[in-house]
PDB file of N, CA and C in Angstrom:
ATOM      1  N   UNK A   1     -20.108 -29.729  35.970  1.00  0.00           N
ATOM      2  CA  UNK A   1     -19.357 -30.509  34.538  1.00  0.00           C
ATOM      3  C   UNK A   1     -19.779 -29.563  33.440  1.00  0.00           C
ATOM      4  N   UNK A   2     -21.053 -28.813  33.530  1.00  0.00           N
ATOM      5  CA  UNK A   2     -21.073 -28.486  32.233  1.00  0.00           C
ATOM      6  C   UNK A   2     -20.327 -27.003  31.632  1.00  0.00           C
ATOM      7  N   UNK A   3     -19.724 -26.869  32.627  1.00  0.00           N
ATOM      8  CA  UNK A   3     -19.135 -25.490  32.775  1.00  0.00           C
ATOM      9  C   UNK A   3     -17.695 -25.966  31.722  1.00  0.00           C
ATOM     10  N   UNK A   4     -17.099 -27.024  31.816  1.00  0.00           N
ATOM     11  CA  UNK A   4     -15.810 -27.723  31.333  1.00  0.00           C
ATOM     12  C   UNK A   4     -16.182 -27.874  29.577  1.00  0.00           C
ATOM     13  N   UNK A   5     -17.619 -28.585  29.536  1.00  0.00           N
ATOM     14  CA  UNK A   5     -18.193 -28.594  28.478  1.00  0.00           C
ATOM     15  C   UNK A   5     -17.820 -27.452  27.361  1.00  0.00           C
ATOM     16  N   UNK A   6     -18.766 -26.268  27.858  1.00  0.00           N
ATOM     17  CA  UNK A   6     -18.297 -25.130  27.599  1.00  0.00           C
ATOM     18  C   UNK A   6     -16.965 -24.284  27.341  1.00  0.00           C
ATOM     19  N   UNK A   7     -16.154 -25.069  28.184  1.00  0.00           N
ATOM     20  CA  UNK A   7     -15.052 -24.187  28.314  1.00  0.00           C
ATOM     21  C   UNK A   7     -13.657 -24.543  27.098  1.00  0.00           C
ATOM     22  N   UNK A   8     -13.887 -25.640  26.842  1.00  0.00           N
ATOM     23  CA  UNK A   8     -13.232 -26.291  25.330  1.00  0.00           C
ATOM     24  C   UNK A   8     -13.588 -25.795  24.116  1.00  0.00           C
ATOM     25  N   UNK A   9     -14.732 -25.862  23.893  1.00  0.00           N
ATOM     26  CA  UNK A   9     -14.804 -25.088  22.504  1.00  0.00           C
ATOM     27  C   UNK A   9     -14.559 -23.456  22.657  1.00  0.00           C
ATOM     28  N   UNK A  10     -14.681 -22.799  23.947  1.00  0.00           N
ATOM     29  CA  UNK A  10     -14.424 -21.240  23.629  1.00  0.00           C
ATOM     30  C   UNK A  10     -12.911 -20.929  23.680  1.00  0.00           C
ATOM     31  N   UNK A  11     -11.871 -22.144  24.608  1.00  0.00           N
ATOM     32  CA  UNK A  11     -10.622 -22.169  24.180  1.00  0.00           C
ATOM     33  C   UNK A  11     -10.112 -22.147  23.110  1.00  0.00           C
ATOM     34  N   UNK A  12     -10.912 -23.358  22.382  1.00  0.00           N
ATOM     35  CA  UNK A  12     -10.676 -23.416  21.026  1.00  0.00           C
ATOM     36  C   UNK A  12     -10.564 -22.452  19.887  1.00  0.00           C
ATOM     37  N   UNK A  13     -11.868 -21.719  20.183  1.00  0.00           N
ATOM     38  CA  UNK A  13     -12.411 -20.694  19.315  1.00  0.00           C
ATOM     39  C   UNK A  13     -11.230 -19.468  19.501  1.00  0.00           C
ATOM     40  N   UNK A  14     -10.780 -19.357  20.728  1.00  0.00           N
ATOM     41  CA  UNK A  14      -9.740 -18.229  21.137  1.00  0.00           C
ATOM     42  C   UNK A  14      -8.616 -18.598  20.404  1.00  0.00           C
ATOM     43  N   UNK A  15      -8.087 -19.744  20.576  1.00  0.00           N
ATOM     44  CA  UNK A  15      -6.487 -20.065  20.393  1.00  0.00           C
ATOM     45  C   UNK A  15      -6.924 -20.077  18.722  1.00  0.00           C
ATOM     46  N   UNK A  16      -7.770 -20.098  17.861  1.00  0.00           N
ATOM     47  CA  UNK A  16      -7.928 -20.338  16.400  1.00  0.00           C
ATOM     48  C   UNK A  16      -8.204 -18.692  16.258  1.00  0.00           C
ATOM     49  N   UNK A  17      -8.409 -17.712  17.071  1.00  0.00           N
ATOM     50  CA  UNK A  17      -8.690 -16.463  16.681  1.00  0.00           C
ATOM     51  C   UNK A  17      -6.934 -15.809  16.968  1.00  0.00           C
ATOM     52  N   UNK A  18      -6.777 -16.531  17.728  1.00  0.00           N
ATOM     53  CA  UNK A  18      -4.607 -16.170  18.204  1.00  0.00           C
ATOM     54  C   UNK A  18      -3.951 -16.470  16.821  1.00  0.00           C
ATOM     55  N   UNK A  19      -4.524 -17.336  16.348  1.00  0.00           N
ATOM     56  CA  UNK A  19      -3.748 -18.035  15.331  1.00  0.00           C
ATOM     57  C   UNK A  19      -3.908 -17.416  14.461  1.00  0.00           C
ATOM     58  N   UNK A  20      -4.880 -16.738  13.843  1.00  0.00           N
ATOM     59  CA  UNK A  20      -5.199 -16.280  12.554  1.00  0.00           C
ATOM     60  C   UNK A  20      -4.958 -14.716  12.609  1.00  0.00           C
ATOM     61  N   UNK A  21      -5.100 -14.298  13.567  1.00  0.00           N
ATOM     62  CA  UNK A  21      -4.937 -12.837  13.793  1.00  0.00           C
ATOM     63  C   UNK A  21      -4.103 -12.442  13.017  1.00  0.00           C
ATOM     64  N   UNK A  22      -2.719 -12.712  12.972  1.00  0.00           N
ATOM     65  CA  UNK A  22      -1.322 -12.251  12.233  1.00  0.00           C
ATOM     66  C   UNK A  22      -1.869 -11.946  10.891  1.00  0.00           C
ATOM     67  N   UNK A  23      -2.547 -13.176  10.178  1.00  0.00           N
ATOM     68  CA  UNK A  23      -2.670 -13.553   8.977  1.00  0.00           C
ATOM     69  C   UNK A  23      -3.718 -12.411   8.244  1.00  0.00           C
ATOM     70  N   UNK A  24      -5.015 -12.310   9.375  1.00  0.00           N
ATOM     71  CA  UNK A  24      -5.872 -11.267   8.969  1.00  0.00           C
ATOM     72  C   UNK A  24      -5.465  -9.704   8.951  1.00  0.00           C
ATOM     73  N   UNK A  25      -4.476  -9.425   9.873  1.00  0.00           N
ATOM     74  CA  UNK A  25      -3.782  -7.964  10.037  1.00  0.00           C
ATOM     75  C   UNK A  25      -2.843  -8.054   8.590  1.00  0.00           C
ATOM     76  N   UNK A  26      -2.586  -9.138   8.239  1.00  0.00           N
ATOM     77  CA  UNK A  26      -1.486  -8.752   6.860  1.00  0.00           C
ATOM     78  C   UNK A  26      -2.470  -8.720   5.714  1.00  0.00           C
ATOM     79  N   UNK A  27      -3.407  -9.218   5.635  1.00  0.00           N
ATOM     80  CA  UNK A  27      -4.360  -9.345   4.313  1.00  0.00           C
ATOM     81  C   UNK A  27      -4.797  -7.857   4.526  1.00  0.00           C
ATOM     82  N   UNK A  28      -5.229  -7.345   5.639  1.00  0.00           N
ATOM     83  CA  UNK A  28      -5.634  -6.115   5.690  1.00  0.00           C
ATOM     84  C   UNK A  28      -4.810  -4.923   5.352  1.00  0.00           C
ATOM     85  N   UNK A  29      -3.297  -4.908   6.148  1.00  0.00           N
ATOM     86  CA  UNK A  29      -2.356  -4.262   5.228  1.00  0.00           C
ATOM     87  C   UNK A  29      -2.188  -4.194   4.117  1.00  0.00           C
ATOM     88  N   UNK A  30      -2.191  -5.338   3.560  1.00  0.00           N
ATOM     89  CA  UNK A  30      -2.100  -5.362   1.765  1.00  0.00           C
ATOM     90  C   UNK A  30      -3.283  -5.095   1.183  1.00  0.00           C
ATOM     91  N   UNK A  31      -4.296  -5.073   1.569  1.00  0.00           N
ATOM     92  CA  UNK A  31      -5.702  -4.517   0.850  1.00  0.00           C
ATOM     93  C   UNK A  31      -5.623  -3.062   1.076  1.00  0.00           C
ATOM     94  N   UNK A  32      -4.739  -2.286   2.294  1.00  0.00           N
ATOM     95  CA  UNK A  32      -4.878  -0.900   2.753  1.00  0.00           C
ATOM     96  C   UNK A  32      -4.028  -0.308   1.343  1.00  0.00           C
ATOM     97  N   UNK A  33      -2.606  -1.461   1.126  1.00  0.00           N
ATOM     98  CA  UNK A  33      -1.480  -0.601   0.647  1.00  0.00           C
ATOM     99  C   UNK A  33      -1.984  -0.663  -1.382  1.00  0.00           C
ATOM    100  N   UNK A  34      -2.787  -1.515  -1.410  1.00  0.00           N
ATOM    101  CA  UNK A  34      -3.395  -1.726  -2.581  1.00  0.00           C
ATOM    102  C   UNK A  34      -4.656  -0.559  -3.133  1.00  0.00           C
ATOM    103  N   UNK A  35      -5.183  -0.260  -1.728  1.00  0.00           N
ATOM    104  CA  UNK A  35      -6.136   0.758  -1.946  1.00  0.00           C
ATOM    105  C   UNK A  35      -5.418   2.126  -2.048  1.00  0.00           C
ATOM    106  N   UNK A  36      -4.448   2.413  -1.531  1.00  0.00           N
ATOM    107  CA  UNK A  36      -3.717   3.576  -1.670  1.00  0.00           C
ATOM    108  C   UNK A  36      -2.979   3.627  -3.244  1.00  0.00           C
ATOM    109  N   UNK A  37      -2.662   2.560  -3.641  1.00  0.00           N
ATOM    110  CA  UNK A  37      -1.969   2.177  -4.953  1.00  0.00           C
ATOM    111  C   UNK A  37      -3.024   2.512  -6.180  1.00  0.00           C
ATOM    112  N   UNK A  38      -4.141   2.252  -5.603  1.00  0.00           N
ATOM    113  CA  UNK A  38      -5.294   2.404  -6.650  1.00  0.00           C
ATOM    114  C   UNK A  38      -5.393   4.071  -6.972  1.00  0.00           C
ATOM    115  N   UNK A  39      -5.032   4.848  -6.269  1.00  0.00           N
ATOM    116  CA  UNK A  39      -5.586   6.155  -6.275  1.00  0.00           C
ATOM    117  C   UNK A  39      -4.553   6.675  -7.518  1.00  0.00           C
ATOM    118  N   UNK A  40      -3.155   5.896  -7.641  1.00  0.00           N
ATOM    119  CA  UNK A  40      -2.338   6.274  -8.563  1.00  0.00           C
ATOM    120  C   UNK A  40      -2.674   5.749  -9.910  1.00  0.00           C
ATOM    121  N   UNK A  41      -3.720   5.013 -10.267  1.00  0.00           N
ATOM    122  CA  UNK A  41      -3.940   4.002 -11.309  1.00  0.00           C
ATOM    123  C   UNK A  41      -4.409   4.984 -12.266  1.00  0.00           C
ATOM    124  N   UNK A  42      -5.538   5.887 -12.117  1.00  0.00           N
ATOM    125  CA  UNK A  42      -5.696   6.708 -12.918  1.00  0.00           C
ATOM    126  C   UNK A  42      -4.650   7.263 -14.217  1.00  0.00           C
ATOM    127  N   UNK A  43      -3.678   7.670 -13.447  1.00  0.00           N
ATOM    128  CA  UNK A  43      -2.543   8.171 -14.292  1.00  0.00           C
ATOM    129  C   UNK A  43      -1.540   7.344 -14.675  1.00  0.00           C
ATOM    130  N   UNK A  44      -1.069   6.650 -13.817  1.00  0.00           N
ATOM    131  CA  UNK A  44       0.110   5.560 -13.699  1.00  0.00           C
ATOM    132  C   UNK A  44      -0.352   4.141 -14.065  1.00  0.00           C
ATOM    133  N   UNK A  45      -1.377   3.680 -14.511  1.00  0.00           N
ATOM    134  CA  UNK A  45      -1.631   2.600 -14.914  1.00  0.00           C
ATOM    135  C   UNK A  45      -2.200   1.365 -13.383  1.00  0.00           C
ATOM    136  N   UNK A  46      -2.698   0.436 -13.857  1.00  0.00           N
ATOM    137  CA  UNK A  46      -3.010  -0.536 -12.939  1.00  0.00           C
ATOM    138  C   UNK A  46      -1.568  -0.842 -12.574  1.00  0.00           C
ATOM    139  N   UNK A  47      -1.399  -1.148 -11.216  1.00  0.00           N
ATOM    140  CA  UNK A  47      -0.102  -1.633 -10.477  1.00  0.00           C
ATOM    141  C   UNK A  47       0.952  -1.046 -10.991  1.00  0.00           C
ATOM    142  N   UNK A  48       0.746   0.332 -11.118  1.00  0.00           N
ATOM    143  CA  UNK A  48       1.759   1.209 -11.614  1.00  0.00           C
ATOM    144  C   UNK A  48       2.111   0.924 -12.927  1.00  0.00           C
ATOM    145  N   UNK A  49       1.807   0.375 -13.955  1.00  0.00           N
ATOM    146  CA  UNK A  49       1.996  -0.193 -14.991  1.00  0.00           C
ATOM    147  C   UNK A  49       1.182   0.556 -16.266  1.00  0.00           C
ATOM    148  N   UNK A  50       1.947   2.060 -16.691  1.00  0.00           N
ATOM    149  CA  UNK A  50       1.307   3.043 -17.382  1.00  0.00           C
ATOM    150  C   UNK A  50       0.805   2.576 -19.187  1.00  0.00           C
ATOM    151  N   UNK A  51       0.335   3.366 -19.735  1.00  0.00           N
ATOM    152  CA  UNK A  51       0.227   2.903 -21.281  1.00  0.00           C
ATOM    153  C   UNK A  51       1.902   3.108 -21.953  1.00  0.00           C
ATOM    154  N   UNK A  52       2.555   1.809 -22.524  1.00  0.00           N
ATOM    155  CA  UNK A  52       3.708   2.063 -23.145  1.00  0.00           C
ATOM    156  C   UNK A  52       3.858   3.221 -24.099  1.00  0.00           C
ATOM    157  N   UNK A  53       4.898   3.570 -23.957  1.00  0.00           N
ATOM    158  CA  UNK A  53       5.147   5.103 -24.968  1.00  0.00           C
ATOM    159  C   UNK A  53       4.236   6.433 -24.388  1.00  0.00           C
ATOM    160  N   UNK A  54       3.455   6.083 -22.861  1.00  0.00           N
ATOM    161  CA  UNK A  54       2.650   7.380 -22.680  1.00  0.00           C
ATOM    162  C   UNK A  54       3.366   8.424 -22.123  1.00  0.00           C
ATOM    163  N   UNK A  55       2.511   9.586 -21.611  1.00  0.00           N
ATOM    164  CA  UNK A  55       3.039  10.840 -21.153  1.00  0.00           C
ATOM    165  C   UNK A  55       3.666  10.436 -19.708  1.00  0.00           C
ATOM    166  N   UNK A  56       3.254   9.809 -19.305  1.00  0.00           N
ATOM    167  CA  UNK A  56       3.533   9.736 -17.636  1.00  0.00           C
ATOM    168  C   UNK A  56       4.116   8.248 -17.462  1.00  0.00           C
ATOM    169  N   UNK A  57       5.162   8.146 -16.395  1.00  0.00           N
ATOM    170  CA  UNK A  57       6.005   7.043 -16.300  1.00  0.00           C
ATOM    171  C   UNK A  57       5.398   6.090 -15.705  1.00  0.00           C
ATOM    172  N   UNK A  58       5.867   4.958 -16.145  1.00  0.00           N
ATOM    173  CA  UNK A  58       5.215   3.913 -15.082  1.00  0.00           C
ATOM    174  C   UNK A  58       6.022   3.662 -13.812  1.00  0.00           C
ATOM    175  N   UNK A  59       5.277   3.581 -12.521  1.00  0.00           N
ATOM    176  CA  UNK A  59       5.921   3.316 -11.430  1.00  0.00           C
ATOM    177  C   UNK A  59       6.684   2.036 -11.107  1.00  0.00           C
ATOM    178  N   UNK A  60       6.044   1.239 -11.810  1.00  0.00           N
ATOM    179  CA  UNK A  60       6.491  -0.437 -11.594  1.00  0.00           C
ATOM    180  C   UNK A  60       7.900  -0.720 -11.487  1.00  0.00           C
ATOM    181  N   UNK A  61       8.597  -1.409 -10.689  1.00  0.00           N
ATOM    182  CA  UNK A  61       9.714  -1.435 -10.497  1.00  0.00           C
ATOM    183  C   UNK A  61      10.913  -0.272 -10.199  1.00  0.00           C
ATOM    184  N   UNK A  62      10.278   0.664 -10.046  1.00  0.00           N
ATOM    185  CA  UNK A  62      10.949   1.734  -9.727  1.00  0.00           C
ATOM    186  C   UNK A  62      11.316   1.698  -8.379  1.00  0.00           C
ATOM    187  N   UNK A  63      12.515   2.224  -8.266  1.00  0.00           N
ATOM    188  CA  UNK A  63      13.361   1.730  -6.753  1.00  0.00           C
ATOM    189  C   UNK A  63      12.455   2.944  -5.672  1.00  0.00           C
ATOM    190  N   UNK A  64      12.183   2.006  -4.690  1.00  0.00           N
ATOM    191  CA  UNK A  64      11.285   2.825  -3.222  1.00  0.00           C
ATOM    192  C   UNK A  64      12.010   4.063  -3.042  1.00  0.00           C
ATOM    193  N   UNK A  65      13.486   4.340  -2.884  1.00  0.00           N
ATOM    194  CA  UNK A  65      14.133   5.443  -2.484  1.00  0.00           C
ATOM    195  C   UNK A  65      13.667   6.463  -3.514  1.00  0.00           C
ATOM    196  N   UNK A  66      14.001   6.037  -4.849  1.00  0.00           N
ATOM    197  CA  UNK A  66      13.980   6.966  -5.661  1.00  0.00           C
ATOM    198  C   UNK A  66      12.391   7.724  -5.665  1.00  0.00           C
ATOM    199  N   UNK A  67      11.481   6.918  -5.485  1.00  0.00           N
ATOM    200  CA  UNK A  67      10.143   7.331  -5.533  1.00  0.00           C
ATOM    201  C   UNK A  67       9.775   8.278  -4.650  1.00  0.00           C
ATOM    202  N   UNK A  68      10.281   7.947  -3.089  1.00  0.00           N
ATOM    203  CA  UNK A  68      10.050   8.403  -1.875  1.00  0.00           C
ATOM    204  C   UNK A  68      10.647  10.137  -2.059  1.00  0.00           C
ATOM    205  N   UNK A  69      12.047  10.015  -2.881  1.00  0.00           N
ATOM    206  CA  UNK A  69      12.299  11.045  -3.141  1.00  0.00           C
ATOM    207  C   UNK A  69      11.562  12.291  -3.669  1.00  0.00           C
ATOM    208  N   UNK A  70      11.000  11.378  -5.013  1.00  0.00           N
ATOM    209  CA  UNK A  70      10.339  12.073  -6.046  1.00  0.00           C
ATOM    210  C   UNK A  70       8.567  12.776  -5.420  1.00  0.00           C
ATOM    211  N   UNK A  71       8.515  11.606  -4.780  1.00  0.00           N
ATOM    212  CA  UNK A  71       6.912  12.444  -3.756  1.00  0.00           C
ATOM    213  C   UNK A  71       7.275  13.469  -3.350  1.00  0.00           C
ATOM    214  N   UNK A  72       8.547  13.534  -1.992  1.00  0.00           N
ATOM    215  CA  UNK A  72       9.052  14.802  -1.381  1.00  0.00           C
ATOM    216  C   UNK A  72       9.329  15.672  -1.898  1.00  0.00           C
ATOM    217  N   UNK A  73      10.033  15.651  -3.158  1.00  0.00           N
ATOM    218  CA  UNK A  73      10.202  16.959  -3.944  1.00  0.00           C
ATOM    219  C   UNK A  73       8.636  17.632  -4.339  1.00  0.00           C
ATOM    220  N   UNK A  74       7.872  16.742  -4.923  1.00  0.00           N
ATOM    221  CA  UNK A  74       6.449  16.796  -5.477  1.00  0.00           C
ATOM    222  C   UNK A  74       5.888  17.913  -4.053  1.00  0.00           C
ATOM    223  N   UNK A  75       5.899  17.319  -3.012  1.00  0.00           N
ATOM    224  CA  UNK A  75       5.493  18.181  -1.615  1.00  0.00           C
ATOM    225  C   UNK A  75       5.709  19.239  -1.602  1.00  0.00           C
ATOM    226  N   UNK A  76       7.313  19.484  -1.935  1.00  0.00           N
ATOM    227  CA  UNK A  76       8.038  20.728  -1.090  1.00  0.00           C
ATOM    228  C   UNK A  76       7.720  21.740  -2.229  1.00  0.00           C
ATOM    229  N   UNK A  77       7.403  21.474  -3.778  1.00  0.00           N
ATOM    230  CA  UNK A  77       7.377  22.134  -4.889  1.00  0.00           C
ATOM    231  C   UNK A  77       8.848  22.150  -5.617  1.00  0.00           C
ATOM    232  N   UNK A  78       9.959  21.371  -4.934  1.00  0.00           N
ATOM    233  CA  UNK A  78      11.018  21.457  -5.941  1.00  0.00           C
ATOM    234  C   UNK A  78      11.108  20.681  -6.872  1.00  0.00           C
ATOM    235  N   UNK A  79      10.104  19.760  -7.385  1.00  0.00           N
ATOM    236  CA  UNK A  79       9.968  19.202  -8.914  1.00  0.00           C
ATOM    237  C   UNK A  79       8.611  19.627  -8.972  1.00  0.00           C
ATOM    238  N   UNK A  80       8.338  20.209 -10.477  1.00  0.00           N
ATOM    239  CA  UNK A  80       7.238  20.968 -11.036  1.00  0.00           C
ATOM    240  C   UNK A  80       6.385  20.030 -11.471  1.00  0.00           C
ATOM    241  N   UNK A  81       5.116  19.869 -11.311  1.00  0.00           N
ATOM    242  CA  UNK A  81       3.907  19.196 -12.027  1.00  0.00           C
ATOM    243  C   UNK A  81       2.800  19.926 -12.070  1.00  0.00           C
ATOM    244  N   UNK A  82       1.795  19.033 -12.812  1.00  0.00           N
ATOM    245  CA  UNK A  82       0.164  19.818 -12.922  1.00  0.00           C
ATOM    246  C   UNK A  82      -0.364  19.501 -11.723  1.00  0.00           C
ATOM    247  N   UNK A  83      -0.169  18.323 -11.205  1.00  0.00           N
ATOM    248  CA  UNK A  83      -1.249  17.983 -10.129  1.00  0.00           C
ATOM    249  C   UNK A  83      -0.702  17.203  -8.905  1.00  0.00           C
ATOM    250  N   UNK A  84       0.568  16.435  -9.201  1.00  0.00           N
ATOM    251  CA  UNK A  84       1.445  15.676  -8.155  1.00  0.00           C
ATOM    252  C   UNK A  84       1.370  16.585  -7.089  1.00  0.00           C
ATOM    253  N   UNK A  85       1.560  17.714  -7.419  1.00  0.00           N
ATOM    254  CA  UNK A  85       2.115  18.570  -5.958  1.00  0.00           C
ATOM    255  C   UNK A  85       0.824  18.728  -5.202  1.00  0.00           C
ATOM    256  N   UNK A  86       0.071  18.339  -5.528  1.00  0.00           N
ATOM    257  CA  UNK A  86      -1.292  18.579  -4.894  1.00  0.00           C
ATOM    258  C   UNK A  86      -1.562  16.858  -4.258  1.00  0.00           C
ATOM    259  N   UNK A  87      -1.353  16.019  -4.973  1.00  0.00           N
ATOM    260  CA  UNK A  87      -1.426  14.533  -4.587  1.00  0.00           C
ATOM    261  C   UNK A  87      -0.813  14.254  -3.501  1.00  0.00           C
ATOM    262  N   UNK A  88       0.469  14.360  -3.702  1.00  0.00           N
ATOM    263  CA  UNK A  88       1.802  14.151  -2.799  1.00  0.00           C
ATOM    264  C   UNK A  88       1.292  14.584  -1.375  1.00  0.00           C
ATOM    265  N   UNK A  89       0.662  15.658  -1.534  1.00  0.00           N
ATOM    266  CA  UNK A  89       0.539  16.590  -0.047  1.00  0.00           C
ATOM    267  C   UNK A  89      -0.464  15.364   0.648  1.00  0.00           C
ATOM    268  N   UNK A  90      -1.393  14.892   0.203  1.00  0.00           N
ATOM    269  CA  UNK A  90      -2.273  14.080   0.624  1.00  0.00           C
ATOM    270  C   UNK A  90      -1.915  12.802   1.187  1.00  0.00           C
ATOM    271  N   UNK A  91      -0.732  12.490   1.363  1.00  0.00           N
ATOM    272  CA  UNK A  91       0.063  11.103   1.708  1.00  0.00           C
ATOM    273  C   UNK A  91       0.673  11.409   3.082  1.00  0.00           C
ATOM    274  N   UNK A  92       0.787  10.833   4.024  1.00  0.00           N
ATOM    275  CA  UNK A  92       1.472  10.806   5.107  1.00  0.00           C
ATOM    276  C   UNK A  92       3.083  10.239   4.340  1.00  0.00           C
ATOM    277  N   UNK A  93       4.071  10.269   5.262  1.00  0.00           N
ATOM    278  CA  UNK A  93       5.261   9.732   5.218  1.00  0.00           C
ATOM    279  C   UNK A  93       5.192   8.560   4.856  1.00  0.00           C
ATOM    280  N   UNK A  94       4.666   7.689   6.219  1.00  0.00           N
ATOM    281  CA  UNK A  94       4.362   6.233   6.033  1.00  0.00           C
ATOM    282  C   UNK A  94       3.792   5.696   4.861  1.00  0.00           C
ATOM    283  N   UNK A  95       2.650   6.255   4.609  1.00  0.00           N
ATOM    284  CA  UNK A  95       1.813   6.046   3.332  1.00  0.00           C
ATOM    285  C   UNK A  95       2.479   6.198   2.001  1.00  0.00           C
ATOM    286  N   UNK A  96       3.497   7.111   2.118  1.00  0.00           N
ATOM    287  CA  UNK A  96       4.327   7.677   0.806  1.00  0.00           C
ATOM    288  C   UNK A  96       5.339   6.227   0.961  1.00  0.00           C
ATOM    289  N   UNK A  97       5.952   5.948   1.852  1.00  0.00           N
ATOM    290  CA  UNK A  97       6.791   4.824   2.059  1.00  0.00           C
ATOM    291  C   UNK A  97       5.877   3.456   1.766  1.00  0.00           C
ATOM    292  N   UNK A  98       4.924   3.160   1.883  1.00  0.00           N
ATOM    293  CA  UNK A  98       3.930   2.168   1.610  1.00  0.00           C
ATOM    294  C   UNK A  98       4.039   2.337   0.098  1.00  0.00           C
ATOM    295  N   UNK A  99       3.417   2.969  -0.338  1.00  0.00           N
ATOM    296  CA  UNK A  99       3.371   3.437  -1.850  1.00  0.00           C
ATOM    297  C   UNK A  99       4.558   3.084  -2.946  1.00  0.00           C
ATOM    298  N   UNK A 100       5.880   3.655  -2.180  1.00  0.00           N
ATOM    299  CA  UNK A 100       7.053   3.279  -2.702  1.00  0.00           C
ATOM    300  C   UNK A 100       7.623   1.582  -2.972  1.00  0.00           C
ATOM    301  N   UNK A 101       7.631   1.075  -1.342  1.00  0.00           N
ATOM    302  CA  UNK A 101       7.729  -0.044  -1.281  1.00  0.00           C
ATOM    303  C   UNK A 101       6.562  -0.826  -2.468  1.00  0.00           C
ATOM    304  N   UNK A 102       5.387  -0.623  -2.523  1.00  0.00           N
ATOM    305  CA  UNK A 102       4.272  -1.581  -3.322  1.00  0.00           C
ATOM    306  C   UNK A 102       4.868  -1.043  -4.672  1.00  0.00           C
ATOM    307  N   UNK A 103       5.212  -0.339  -5.606  1.00  0.00           N
ATOM    308  CA  UNK A 103       5.364  -0.152  -6.619  1.00  0.00           C
ATOM    309  C   UNK A 103       6.953  -0.737  -7.004  1.00  0.00           C
ATOM    310  N   UNK A 104       7.580  -0.840  -6.149  1.00  0.00           N
ATOM    311  CA  UNK A 104       8.963  -1.316  -6.382  1.00  0.00           C
ATOM    312  C   UNK A 104       9.075  -2.784  -6.183  1.00  0.00           C
ATOM    313  N   UNK A 105       7.799  -3.276  -5.792  1.00  0.00           N
ATOM    314  CA  UNK A 105       7.697  -4.554  -5.824  1.00  0.00           C
ATOM    315  C   UNK A 105       7.162  -5.218  -6.914  1.00  0.00           C
ATOM    316  N   UNK A 106       6.195  -4.226  -7.856  1.00  0.00           N
ATOM    317  CA  UNK A 106       5.494  -4.723  -8.563  1.00  0.00           C
ATOM    318  C   UNK A 106       6.640  -4.806 -10.056  1.00  0.00           C
ATOM    319  N   UNK A 107       6.462  -5.931 -10.828  1.00  0.00           N
ATOM    320  CA  UNK A 107       7.126  -6.378 -12.028  1.00  0.00           C
ATOM    321  C   UNK A 107       6.943  -4.827 -13.394  1.00  0.00           C
ATOM    322  N   UNK A 108       7.867  -4.680 -13.882  1.00  0.00           N
ATOM    323  CA  UNK A 108       7.497  -3.604 -15.053  1.00  0.00           C
ATOM    324  C   UNK A 108       6.798  -3.880 -16.025  1.00  0.00           C
TER     325      UNK A 108
END
């Protein structure tokens, strides 16, 4: 009978892990996306909110499709930039979409 006593706590632990796994994955994805967005903060401000009347635009609240389009333009060189053409090449298409969705969800 000692096996049954050990089995119940093990099953409870396994069930708890299965229930919380999606939450942990969502939290990890959120942190990953925020980490990507932090690379933009040096120029575009925290959460994409740049200095009012600054030289660089705020990204917060911009439409996701527009941001993706601009990043692709920087990547291909069809939009000129001082450094964005280099930075944009460092992101995959999926990362660019994650960044665009993140900034689109931020309040301006």
